[in-house]
Amino acid sequence: MCGIVGLYLKNTQLRPQLGALFEPMLVEMKSRGPDSAGVAIYRDPVQANQTKYSLAHDHANYDWQSLSSALASACQCQSSITQIDSHAILIADAPERNVRDWIKQNHPGVRLVGSGASLEIFKEVGLPEDVYSRFNLQNASGSHMIGHTRMATESAVTTAGSHPFATGADLCLVHNGSLSNHNRLREQLEKAGLEFQTENDTEVAAAYMTLKIREGASLRQALEQALVDLDGFYTFCVGTETGFAVLRDPIACKHAVLAETDDWVAMATEYRAIATLPGSEHANIWEPKPQTIYAWGELQ
């Protein structure tokens, strides 16, 4: 099961309405994924020398301010943090590798769920409308969002196991389907130095994308190679700094619909999510073809 939705606003005047437009799309996928939900939103890009980190912790009263202060002292950098329910958005001007290593060593209970210039990831156990409300996304402004509602089939229902999964700087991935060779791939990726927080097969797909990009592949090349290396049935929606990309496996048995108007581009597992958007009745609507990459924004 599971449900995927994506919305990219071509009309910049609509960007203050992004959160309001996206909410009913995500809620429409509740019947496909009532266990947990998550979203990636692209907004408020940081300065060129800074990186934005999406962090999460199981305890709602976690002392995020102490983490930020200690990081600034240890890494001799400027650091600020904003708590949003069980998550926090950290901004720091230290090298990203240094920040990641410091958090891992000094705050092992903190999960790093995303990073980049504008990416923010929020995900939790619960119904989509409840998760969305917890993170106060209804009034969010931004350029685009992707989201996922999960019906757990291959791993436990946990916050960490919810989608999206980060795949690199400003990249994230959501997935509908199942990978048949994820255990073998996990072993290969661990040997290459990748680490995992969950047993979710989507995290394996995300790590695969990370490795390919680290090895020098473009995102398009990584997606093309995924068609060779990833066995199973899947629809991927990959968020990027400038938009999103959609890829289905060669059989394409998992539902997917794309739609486009002069104002927006939308993707969903079912059309009823797209039908919530203004002007959807006049949109160009089609089913994405198997093993074909569809992308909006730059896909290097």
Protein backbone atom coordinates (compact mmCIF):
# COMPACT_ATOMS: atom_id res chain seq x y z
CA MET A 1 0.00 0.00 0.00
CA CYS A 2 1.40 3.37 1.13
CA GLY A 3 0.64 6.70 -0.48
CA ILE A 4 2.89 9.28 -2.12
CA VAL A 5 2.15 12.91 -2.94
CA GLY A 6 4.29 15.66 -4.40
CA LEU A 7 3.58 19.29 -5.26
CA TYR A 8 5.84 21.80 -7.01
CA LEU A 9 4.52 25.35 -7.36
CA LYS A 10 5.51 26.86 -10.70
CA ASN A 11 3.56 30.02 -9.89
CA THR A 12 5.66 31.79 -7.23
CA GLN A 13 2.62 33.75 -6.04
CA LEU A 14 1.15 30.50 -4.72
CA ARG A 15 4.15 29.67 -2.53
CA PRO A 16 2.71 31.25 0.64
CA GLN A 17 -0.13 28.70 0.25
CA LEU A 18 2.07 25.62 -0.12
CA GLY A 19 1.22 24.11 3.27
CA ALA A 20 -2.51 24.67 2.84
CA LEU A 21 -2.53 23.20 -0.68
CA PHE A 22 -0.50 20.17 0.31
CA GLU A 23 -2.42 19.13 3.42
CA PRO A 24 -5.56 17.75 1.71
CA MET A 25 -3.38 15.88 -0.78
CA LEU A 26 -1.59 14.07 2.05
CA VAL A 27 -4.79 13.42 4.00
CA GLU A 28 -6.41 11.83 0.93
CA MET A 29 -3.75 9.10 1.13
CA LYS A 30 -4.70 8.17 4.71
CA SER A 31 -6.49 5.00 3.64
CA ARG A 32 -3.30 3.83 1.94
CA GLY A 33 -1.09 4.53 4.93
CA PRO A 34 -2.60 5.05 8.40
CA ASP A 35 0.47 3.97 10.42
CA SER A 36 2.71 7.02 10.04
CA ALA A 37 3.31 9.98 7.78
CA GLY A 38 6.09 12.33 6.79
CA VAL A 39 6.82 15.30 4.60
CA ALA A 40 9.82 17.04 3.10
CA ILE A 41 9.38 20.77 2.57
CA TYR A 42 11.74 23.05 0.68
CA ARG A 43 11.75 26.55 2.16
CA ASP A 44 13.89 29.31 3.67
CA PRO A 45 17.28 28.51 2.07
CA VAL A 46 20.26 29.24 4.29
CA GLN A 47 23.38 31.18 3.35
CA ALA A 48 26.05 29.63 1.15
CA ASN A 49 28.36 28.85 4.09
CA GLN A 50 25.61 27.24 6.18
CA THR A 51 23.85 23.87 6.26
CA LYS A 52 20.37 23.14 7.59
CA TYR A 53 19.83 19.88 9.49
CA SER A 54 16.54 18.16 10.33
CA LEU A 55 16.92 16.39 13.69
CA ALA A 56 14.55 14.19 15.70
CA HIS A 57 14.46 12.63 19.16
CA ASP A 58 12.03 10.28 20.89
CA HIS A 59 11.69 12.55 23.95
CA ALA A 60 9.56 15.67 23.44
CA ASN A 61 11.44 17.61 26.14
CA TYR A 62 14.89 17.04 24.70
CA ASP A 63 17.26 19.95 25.40
CA TRP A 64 17.91 21.13 21.84
CA GLN A 65 19.36 24.47 22.94
CA SER A 66 22.12 22.74 24.88
CA LEU A 67 22.96 20.67 21.81
CA SER A 68 23.25 23.81 19.67
CA SER A 69 25.40 25.64 22.21
CA ALA A 70 27.74 22.69 22.71
CA LEU A 71 28.08 22.22 18.96
CA ALA A 72 29.01 25.88 18.47
CA SER A 73 31.69 25.57 21.14
CA ALA A 74 33.09 22.24 19.96
CA CYS A 75 33.17 23.09 16.26
CA GLN A 76 33.94 26.81 16.73
CA CYS A 77 31.01 27.79 14.54
CA GLN A 78 27.81 29.77 14.57
CA SER A 79 24.82 27.56 15.40
CA SER A 80 21.09 28.11 15.94
CA ILE A 81 18.25 25.68 16.51
CA THR A 82 14.44 25.77 16.45
CA GLN A 83 12.37 23.02 18.06
CA ILE A 84 9.24 21.92 16.20
CA ASP A 85 7.49 19.29 18.32
CA SER A 86 9.66 16.12 18.34
CA HIS A 87 11.96 17.55 15.67
CA ALA A 88 14.35 20.48 15.48
CA ILE A 89 15.91 22.48 12.66
CA LEU A 90 19.60 23.17 13.24
CA ILE A 91 21.57 25.71 11.17
CA ALA A 92 25.37 25.75 11.44
CA ASP A 93 28.28 27.06 9.39
CA ALA A 94 30.71 24.24 10.25
CA PRO A 95 31.65 21.57 7.66
CA GLU A 96 28.78 19.10 7.39
CA ARG A 97 30.96 16.05 8.08
CA ASN A 98 32.14 17.63 11.34
CA VAL A 99 28.57 18.33 12.48
CA ARG A 100 27.39 14.82 11.61
CA ASP A 101 30.29 13.18 13.44
CA TRP A 102 29.90 15.42 16.50
CA ILE A 103 26.17 14.68 16.83
CA LYS A 104 26.76 10.95 16.45
CA GLN A 105 29.47 10.91 19.09
CA ASN A 106 27.89 13.25 21.64
CA HIS A 107 24.13 12.83 21.14
CA PRO A 108 23.57 9.22 20.01
CA GLY A 109 19.83 9.45 20.67
CA VAL A 110 19.41 12.22 18.10
CA ARG A 111 18.48 11.12 14.60
CA LEU A 112 19.73 13.17 11.65
CA VAL A 113 16.88 12.84 9.16
CA GLY A 114 17.86 15.36 6.49
CA SER A 115 20.28 18.10 5.50
CA GLY A 116 20.87 20.71 2.83
CA ALA A 117 20.28 24.34 2.05
CA SER A 118 16.46 24.39 2.09
CA LEU A 119 15.26 20.85 2.92
CA GLU A 120 13.32 20.21 6.14
CA ILE A 121 11.95 16.74 6.97
CA PHE A 122 9.22 15.99 9.51
CA LYS A 123 7.82 12.51 10.18
CA GLU A 124 5.97 10.75 12.97
CA VAL A 125 3.75 7.80 13.85
CA GLY A 126 0.05 8.61 13.47
CA LEU A 127 -2.59 9.63 10.97
CA PRO A 128 -1.51 12.11 8.28
CA GLU A 129 -3.71 14.94 9.51
CA ASP A 130 -2.40 14.54 13.07
CA VAL A 131 1.24 14.45 11.99
CA TYR A 132 0.75 17.47 9.75
CA SER A 133 -0.84 19.41 12.60
CA ARG A 134 1.89 18.47 15.09
CA PHE A 135 4.48 20.20 12.95
CA ASN A 136 2.26 23.20 12.19
CA LEU A 137 2.62 22.86 8.43
CA GLN A 138 -0.82 24.18 7.48
CA ASN A 139 0.47 27.73 7.04
CA ALA A 140 3.89 26.79 5.67
CA SER A 141 5.32 28.73 2.78
CA GLY A 142 7.77 27.21 0.30
CA SER A 143 8.43 26.09 -3.24
CA HIS A 144 7.59 22.38 -3.09
CA MET A 145 6.84 19.40 -0.87
CA ILE A 146 6.77 15.63 -1.10
CA GLY A 147 5.00 13.41 1.39
CA HIS A 148 4.27 9.82 2.29
CA THR A 149 1.65 7.90 4.26
CA ARG A 150 2.86 4.49 5.37
CA MET A 151 1.28 1.09 5.85
CA ALA A 152 4.17 -0.88 7.33
CA THR A 153 4.72 -4.24 5.68
CA GLU A 154 8.45 -4.95 5.95
CA SER A 155 9.44 -3.29 9.24
CA ALA A 156 8.04 -1.96 12.51
CA VAL A 157 5.80 1.10 12.85
CA THR A 158 8.25 3.67 14.19
CA THR A 159 9.04 7.33 13.66
CA ALA A 160 12.50 6.45 12.37
CA GLY A 161 10.99 3.99 9.88
CA SER A 162 8.67 6.58 8.40
CA HIS A 163 9.39 8.27 5.08
CA PRO A 164 11.02 10.43 3.71
CA PHE A 165 14.60 9.20 3.93
CA ALA A 166 17.48 11.54 3.18
CA THR A 167 19.72 10.66 0.22
CA GLY A 168 22.22 13.53 0.32
CA ALA A 169 22.35 17.31 0.34
CA ASP A 170 18.77 18.54 -0.24
CA LEU A 171 17.79 15.11 -1.58
CA CYS A 172 15.19 12.81 -0.08
CA LEU A 173 13.20 9.79 -1.21
CA VAL A 174 9.75 8.30 -0.63
CA HIS A 175 8.73 4.91 -1.92
CA ASN A 176 5.62 2.86 -2.60
CA GLY A 177 6.31 -0.82 -3.14
CA SER A 178 8.82 -3.40 -1.97
CA LEU A 179 12.43 -4.21 -2.85
CA SER A 180 13.23 -7.92 -3.06
CA ASN A 181 17.02 -7.57 -2.85
CA HIS A 182 17.30 -4.97 -0.08
CA ASN A 183 19.07 -7.29 2.39
CA ARG A 184 21.86 -8.07 -0.06
CA LEU A 185 22.13 -4.41 -1.01
CA ARG A 186 22.26 -3.41 2.67
CA GLU A 187 25.28 -5.67 3.20
CA GLN A 188 27.05 -4.19 0.17
CA LEU A 189 26.28 -0.63 1.25
CA GLU A 190 27.48 -1.25 4.81
CA LYS A 191 30.78 -2.54 3.42
CA ALA A 192 31.03 0.74 1.49
CA GLY A 193 30.64 2.70 4.74
CA LEU A 194 26.92 3.52 4.71
CA GLU A 195 25.03 3.35 8.03
CA PHE A 196 21.38 2.53 8.70
CA GLN A 197 18.92 3.55 11.41
CA THR A 198 16.07 1.16 10.47
CA GLU A 199 15.19 -2.11 8.74
CA ASN A 200 13.10 -0.22 6.17
CA ASP A 201 13.87 -1.19 2.57
CA THR A 202 13.32 2.43 1.52
CA GLU A 203 16.29 3.47 3.63
CA VAL A 204 18.33 1.00 1.56
CA ALA A 205 17.16 2.70 -1.64
CA ALA A 206 18.09 6.07 -0.15
CA ALA A 207 21.53 4.82 0.86
CA TYR A 208 22.02 3.39 -2.61
CA MET A 209 21.33 6.82 -4.11
CA THR A 210 23.75 8.39 -1.63
CA LEU A 211 26.56 6.02 -2.60
CA LYS A 212 26.07 6.50 -6.33
CA ILE A 213 26.20 10.28 -5.96
CA ARG A 214 29.28 10.05 -3.71
CA GLU A 215 30.93 7.97 -6.43
CA GLY A 216 30.39 10.80 -8.91
CA ALA A 217 27.10 9.92 -10.57
CA SER A 218 24.56 12.61 -11.30
CA LEU A 219 21.10 12.17 -9.82
CA ARG A 220 19.78 11.19 -13.25
CA GLN A 221 22.56 8.60 -13.65
CA ALA A 222 21.84 7.24 -10.16
CA LEU A 223 18.17 6.81 -11.02
CA GLU A 224 19.05 5.14 -14.31
CA GLN A 225 21.40 2.71 -12.55
CA ALA A 226 18.72 2.00 -9.93
CA LEU A 227 16.65 0.38 -12.68
CA VAL A 228 19.47 -2.16 -13.07
CA ASP A 229 20.46 -2.72 -9.44
CA LEU A 230 17.18 -2.53 -7.51
CA ASP A 231 14.92 -5.58 -7.80
CA GLY A 232 11.25 -5.45 -6.86
CA PHE A 233 8.33 -3.20 -7.61
CA TYR A 234 8.38 0.47 -6.72
CA THR A 235 7.42 4.02 -7.41
CA PHE A 236 10.02 6.51 -6.20
CA CYS A 237 9.52 10.22 -5.70
CA VAL A 238 12.85 11.95 -5.10
CA GLY A 239 12.86 15.49 -3.75
CA THR A 240 15.58 17.85 -4.95
CA GLU A 241 16.49 21.44 -4.14
CA THR A 242 14.68 22.66 -7.25
CA GLY A 243 11.80 20.18 -7.65
CA PHE A 244 11.21 16.45 -7.71
CA ALA A 245 11.70 13.37 -9.87
CA VAL A 246 9.46 10.30 -10.31
CA LEU A 247 10.59 6.82 -11.31
CA ARG A 248 8.68 3.56 -11.65
CA ASP A 249 10.16 0.08 -12.01
CA PRO A 250 10.00 -1.79 -15.36
CA ILE A 251 6.72 -3.51 -14.45
CA ALA A 252 5.09 -0.42 -12.89
CA CYS A 253 2.41 -2.26 -10.93
CA LYS A 254 2.25 0.39 -8.19
CA HIS A 255 -0.18 3.23 -8.78
CA ALA A 256 1.06 6.66 -9.86
CA VAL A 257 -0.49 9.72 -11.49
CA LEU A 258 1.12 12.95 -12.71
CA ALA A 259 -0.65 16.22 -13.46
CA GLU A 260 0.48 19.65 -14.61
CA THR A 261 -1.01 23.11 -15.06
CA ASP A 262 0.54 26.52 -15.64
CA ASP A 263 0.60 26.96 -11.82
CA TRP A 264 1.82 23.63 -10.49
CA VAL A 265 3.06 20.09 -11.05
CA ALA A 266 1.68 17.32 -8.86
CA MET A 267 2.29 13.63 -8.34
CA ALA A 268 0.18 11.20 -6.32
CA THR A 269 -0.45 7.52 -5.87
CA GLU A 270 -4.12 8.18 -6.73
CA TYR A 271 -5.80 11.00 -8.63
CA ARG A 272 -8.13 11.85 -5.75
CA ALA A 273 -5.20 13.53 -4.00
CA ILE A 274 -4.51 15.73 -7.04
CA ALA A 275 -8.22 16.55 -7.38
CA THR A 276 -7.96 18.66 -4.21
CA LEU A 277 -5.79 21.23 -6.03
CA PRO A 278 -7.28 24.38 -7.63
CA GLY A 279 -7.50 24.01 -11.40
CA SER A 280 -7.08 20.23 -11.32
CA GLU A 281 -10.08 19.82 -13.59
CA HIS A 282 -8.12 21.54 -16.37
CA ALA A 283 -4.77 19.85 -15.74
CA ASN A 284 -2.85 17.70 -18.17
CA ILE A 285 -3.07 14.29 -16.45
CA TRP A 286 -1.19 11.11 -17.32
CA GLU A 287 0.17 7.88 -15.91
CA PRO A 288 3.99 7.83 -15.79
CA LYS A 289 5.49 5.13 -18.00
CA PRO A 290 7.62 2.28 -16.61
CA GLN A 291 11.40 2.84 -16.21
CA THR A 292 11.08 6.48 -17.30
CA ILE A 293 12.45 9.42 -15.30
CA TYR A 294 10.13 12.42 -14.97
CA ALA A 295 11.62 15.52 -13.40
CA TRP A 296 10.82 19.16 -12.68
CA GLY A 297 13.57 21.56 -11.75
CA GLU A 298 17.22 20.84 -12.47
CA LEU A 299 18.16 17.15 -12.37
CA GLN A 300 21.95 17.10 -12.64
